[in-house]
C-alpha cells in the first residue's frame, strides 16, 4: 500500500482591517494595516456597487502595501474617491504616474512636471 501525503496549509490571514461607515454624503472606508492582494480584493468587494465619487478612503492607519494594494487605491482615486489621511509616502506613490499627464505651465512659465520630477529625485535621494 502506498501512503498518501497530506498537505496541511495554514489558514489564509488577512493583514488588513476595513471599517466602513455611512455618512450623509457617502461612505468612509478606513483601511488599517497592510494592504496586499487579499486586502485589495476585500476593498474591491467592500466598495462594489458604490459610487466612487461618494467614497472617502481614510488611509491614516495604512502601514504598508504591495503592488496590488497600490493598484486598488489608484483605481479608486482615478474613479473619483477622495483620499484622506495618507502619509507623504503613500501620497507620493499614489501620484507616481501623474508626471505623464499634461498639467501645463505654472504662473512663472516653468513646467509643473519638471518640478515634480525634481522633488521625487530628492525624496529618493538620487538628485
C-alpha atoms as a PDB file:
ATOM      1  CA  UNK A   1       0.000   0.000   0.000  1.00  0.00           C
ATOM      2  CA  UNK A   2       1.230   3.441  -0.752  1.00  0.00           C
ATOM      3  CA  UNK A   3       0.902   6.197   1.751  1.00  0.00           C
ATOM      4  CA  UNK A   4      -0.811   9.334   0.617  1.00  0.00           C
ATOM      5  CA  UNK A   5       0.847  12.555   1.566  1.00  0.00           C
ATOM      6  CA  UNK A   6      -1.362  15.030   3.281  1.00  0.00           C
ATOM      7  CA  UNK A   7      -0.508  18.677   2.979  1.00  0.00           C
ATOM      8  CA  UNK A   8      -1.987  20.990   5.547  1.00  0.00           C
ATOM      9  CA  UNK A   9      -1.842  24.640   4.689  1.00  0.00           C
ATOM     10  CA  UNK A  10      -2.183  27.299   7.342  1.00  0.00           C
ATOM     11  CA  UNK A  11      -5.336  29.379   7.110  1.00  0.00           C
ATOM     12  CA  UNK A  12      -5.073  32.481   4.987  1.00  0.00           C
ATOM     13  CA  UNK A  13      -4.651  35.507   7.175  1.00  0.00           C
ATOM     14  CA  UNK A  14      -5.603  38.945   6.073  1.00  0.00           C
ATOM     15  CA  UNK A  15      -3.284  41.667   7.255  1.00  0.00           C
ATOM     16  CA  UNK A  16      -5.756  44.475   6.672  1.00  0.00           C
ATOM     17  CA  UNK A  17      -8.838  45.604   8.538  1.00  0.00           C
ATOM     18  CA  UNK A  18     -11.566  47.611   6.831  1.00  0.00           C
ATOM     19  CA  UNK A  19     -14.020  49.758   8.729  1.00  0.00           C
ATOM     20  CA  UNK A  20     -16.885  51.161   6.707  1.00  0.00           C
ATOM     21  CA  UNK A  21     -19.283  53.821   7.902  1.00  0.00           C
ATOM     22  CA  UNK A  22     -22.033  55.681   6.141  1.00  0.00           C
ATOM     23  CA  UNK A  23     -22.181  59.457   6.249  1.00  0.00           C
ATOM     24  CA  UNK A  24     -24.681  61.937   4.883  1.00  0.00           C
ATOM     25  CA  UNK A  25     -22.536  62.351   1.758  1.00  0.00           C
ATOM     26  CA  UNK A  26     -21.455  58.757   1.146  1.00  0.00           C
ATOM     27  CA  UNK A  27     -19.219  56.131   2.685  1.00  0.00           C
ATOM     28  CA  UNK A  28     -15.927  56.402   4.564  1.00  0.00           C
ATOM     29  CA  UNK A  29     -13.773  53.286   4.269  1.00  0.00           C
ATOM     30  CA  UNK A  30     -10.955  53.217   6.798  1.00  0.00           C
ATOM     31  CA  UNK A  31      -8.043  50.983   5.808  1.00  0.00           C
ATOM     32  CA  UNK A  32      -5.927  49.702   8.694  1.00  0.00           C
ATOM     33  CA  UNK A  33      -2.796  47.561   8.408  1.00  0.00           C
ATOM     34  CA  UNK A  34      -1.071  46.132   5.355  1.00  0.00           C
ATOM     35  CA  UNK A  35      -2.886  46.253   2.025  1.00  0.00           C
ATOM     36  CA  UNK A  36      -1.812  43.251  -0.040  1.00  0.00           C
ATOM     37  CA  UNK A  37      -3.544  41.246  -2.789  1.00  0.00           C
ATOM     38  CA  UNK A  38      -6.040  39.674  -0.369  1.00  0.00           C
ATOM     39  CA  UNK A  39      -6.747  43.083   1.157  1.00  0.00           C
ATOM     40  CA  UNK A  40      -7.144  44.675  -2.265  1.00  0.00           C
ATOM     41  CA  UNK A  41      -9.749  42.035  -3.096  1.00  0.00           C
ATOM     42  CA  UNK A  42     -11.556  42.861   0.152  1.00  0.00           C
ATOM     43  CA  UNK A  43     -11.524  46.579  -0.669  1.00  0.00           C
ATOM     44  CA  UNK A  44     -12.973  45.895  -4.120  1.00  0.00           C
ATOM     45  CA  UNK A  45     -15.691  43.708  -2.600  1.00  0.00           C
ATOM     46  CA  UNK A  46     -16.495  46.333   0.041  1.00  0.00           C
ATOM     47  CA  UNK A  47     -16.913  49.171  -2.463  1.00  0.00           C
ATOM     48  CA  UNK A  48     -18.652  47.146  -5.186  1.00  0.00           C
ATOM     49  CA  UNK A  49     -21.827  48.937  -6.184  1.00  0.00           C
ATOM     50  CA  UNK A  50     -20.827  52.229  -4.562  1.00  0.00           C
ATOM     51  CA  UNK A  51     -20.276  55.421  -6.484  1.00  0.00           C
ATOM     52  CA  UNK A  52     -16.561  56.205  -6.211  1.00  0.00           C
ATOM     53  CA  UNK A  53     -17.351  59.930  -6.060  1.00  0.00           C
ATOM     54  CA  UNK A  54     -19.206  59.392  -2.775  1.00  0.00           C
ATOM     55  CA  UNK A  55     -16.365  57.284  -1.315  1.00  0.00           C
ATOM     56  CA  UNK A  56     -13.702  58.535   1.084  1.00  0.00           C
ATOM     57  CA  UNK A  57     -10.691  56.312   1.699  1.00  0.00           C
ATOM     58  CA  UNK A  58      -9.190  57.049   5.118  1.00  0.00           C
ATOM     59  CA  UNK A  59      -5.584  55.830   4.966  1.00  0.00           C
ATOM     60  CA  UNK A  60      -4.043  57.128   8.212  1.00  0.00           C
ATOM     61  CA  UNK A  61      -3.859  53.543   9.501  1.00  0.00           C
ATOM     62  CA  UNK A  62      -2.302  52.091   6.339  1.00  0.00           C
ATOM     63  CA  UNK A  63       1.160  50.824   7.317  1.00  0.00           C
ATOM     64  CA  UNK A  64       2.247  49.085   4.093  1.00  0.00           C
ATOM     65  CA  UNK A  65       1.036  47.941   0.695  1.00  0.00           C
ATOM     66  CA  UNK A  66       2.177  45.872  -2.229  1.00  0.00           C
ATOM     67  CA  UNK A  67       1.589  46.452  -5.945  1.00  0.00           C
ATOM     68  CA  UNK A  68      -1.961  45.067  -5.730  1.00  0.00           C
ATOM     69  CA  UNK A  69      -2.784  47.358  -2.808  1.00  0.00           C
ATOM     70  CA  UNK A  70      -1.376  50.361  -4.623  1.00  0.00           C
ATOM     71  CA  UNK A  71      -3.304  49.425  -7.760  1.00  0.00           C
ATOM     72  CA  UNK A  72      -6.686  49.345  -5.999  1.00  0.00           C
ATOM     73  CA  UNK A  73      -6.003  52.701  -4.322  1.00  0.00           C
ATOM     74  CA  UNK A  74      -5.048  54.224  -7.681  1.00  0.00           C
ATOM     75  CA  UNK A  75      -8.128  52.751  -9.368  1.00  0.00           C
ATOM     76  CA  UNK A  76     -10.479  54.156  -6.762  1.00  0.00           C
ATOM     77  CA  UNK A  77      -8.730  57.523  -6.698  1.00  0.00           C
ATOM     78  CA  UNK A  78      -8.889  57.774 -10.507  1.00  0.00           C
ATOM     79  CA  UNK A  79     -12.601  56.919 -10.360  1.00  0.00           C
ATOM     80  CA  UNK A  80     -13.226  59.848  -8.028  1.00  0.00           C
ATOM     81  CA  UNK A  81     -12.777  58.503  -4.498  1.00  0.00           C
ATOM     82  CA  UNK A  82     -11.306  61.046  -2.089  1.00  0.00           C
ATOM     83  CA  UNK A  83      -8.125  60.038  -0.244  1.00  0.00           C
ATOM     84  CA  UNK A  84      -7.691  61.327   3.310  1.00  0.00           C
ATOM     85  CA  UNK A  85      -5.042  60.821   5.967  1.00  0.00           C
ATOM     86  CA  UNK A  86      -2.443  59.353   3.629  1.00  0.00           C
ATOM     87  CA  UNK A  87       1.185  59.615   4.701  1.00  0.00           C
ATOM     88  CA  UNK A  88       3.534  61.604   2.457  1.00  0.00           C
ATOM     89  CA  UNK A  89       4.970  58.322   1.153  1.00  0.00           C
ATOM     90  CA  UNK A  90       1.550  56.924   0.267  1.00  0.00           C
ATOM     91  CA  UNK A  91       0.591  60.228  -1.374  1.00  0.00           C
ATOM     92  CA  UNK A  92       3.807  60.182  -3.391  1.00  0.00           C
ATOM     93  CA  UNK A  93       3.226  56.618  -4.567  1.00  0.00           C
ATOM     94  CA  UNK A  94      -0.397  57.325  -5.471  1.00  0.00           C
ATOM     95  CA  UNK A  95       0.731  60.211  -7.657  1.00  0.00           C
ATOM     96  CA  UNK A  96       3.777  58.499  -9.152  1.00  0.00           C
ATOM     97  CA  UNK A  97       2.207  58.245 -12.608  1.00  0.00           C
ATOM     98  CA  UNK A  98       0.924  61.820 -12.623  1.00  0.00           C
ATOM     99  CA  UNK A  99       4.051  63.060 -14.435  1.00  0.00           C
ATOM    100  CA  UNK A 100       2.635  61.662 -17.661  1.00  0.00           C
ATOM    101  CA  UNK A 101      -0.446  63.896 -17.513  1.00  0.00           C
ATOM    102  CA  UNK A 102      -0.373  67.230 -19.294  1.00  0.00           C
ATOM    103  CA  UNK A 103      -0.523  69.749 -16.474  1.00  0.00           C
ATOM    104  CA  UNK A 104       0.766  72.746 -18.411  1.00  0.00           C
ATOM    105  CA  UNK A 105       2.922  75.512 -17.021  1.00  0.00           C
ATOM    106  CA  UNK A 106       2.660  77.340 -13.717  1.00  0.00           C
ATOM    107  CA  UNK A 107       2.369  81.134 -13.375  1.00  0.00           C
ATOM    108  CA  UNK A 108       6.130  81.604 -13.841  1.00  0.00           C
ATOM    109  CA  UNK A 109       6.157  79.659 -17.074  1.00  0.00           C
ATOM    110  CA  UNK A 110       8.051  76.650 -15.648  1.00  0.00           C
ATOM    111  CA  UNK A 111       6.780  73.192 -16.446  1.00  0.00           C
ATOM    112  CA  UNK A 112       4.975  71.784 -13.400  1.00  0.00           C
ATOM    113  CA  UNK A 113       6.011  68.253 -14.348  1.00  0.00           C
ATOM    114  CA  UNK A 114       9.651  69.279 -14.166  1.00  0.00           C
ATOM    115  CA  UNK A 115       9.260  70.406 -10.544  1.00  0.00           C
ATOM    116  CA  UNK A 116       7.589  67.132  -9.588  1.00  0.00           C
ATOM    117  CA  UNK A 117      10.369  65.099 -11.117  1.00  0.00           C
ATOM    118  CA  UNK A 118      12.990  67.066  -9.174  1.00  0.00           C
ATOM    119  CA  UNK A 119      11.035  66.604  -5.937  1.00  0.00           C
ATOM    120  CA  UNK A 120      10.807  62.863  -6.471  1.00  0.00           C
ATOM    121  CA  UNK A 121      14.508  62.550  -7.097  1.00  0.00           C
ATOM    122  CA  UNK A 122      15.275  64.439  -3.912  1.00  0.00           C
ATOM    123  CA  UNK A 123      12.910  62.251  -1.909  1.00  0.00           C
ATOM    124  CA  UNK A 124      14.509  59.138  -3.365  1.00  0.00           C
ATOM    125  CA  UNK A 125      17.982  60.539  -2.747  1.00  0.00           C
ATOM    126  CA  UNK A 126      19.115  60.365  -6.367  1.00  0.00           C
ATOM    127  CA  UNK A 127      19.452  64.068  -7.112  1.00  0.00           C
END
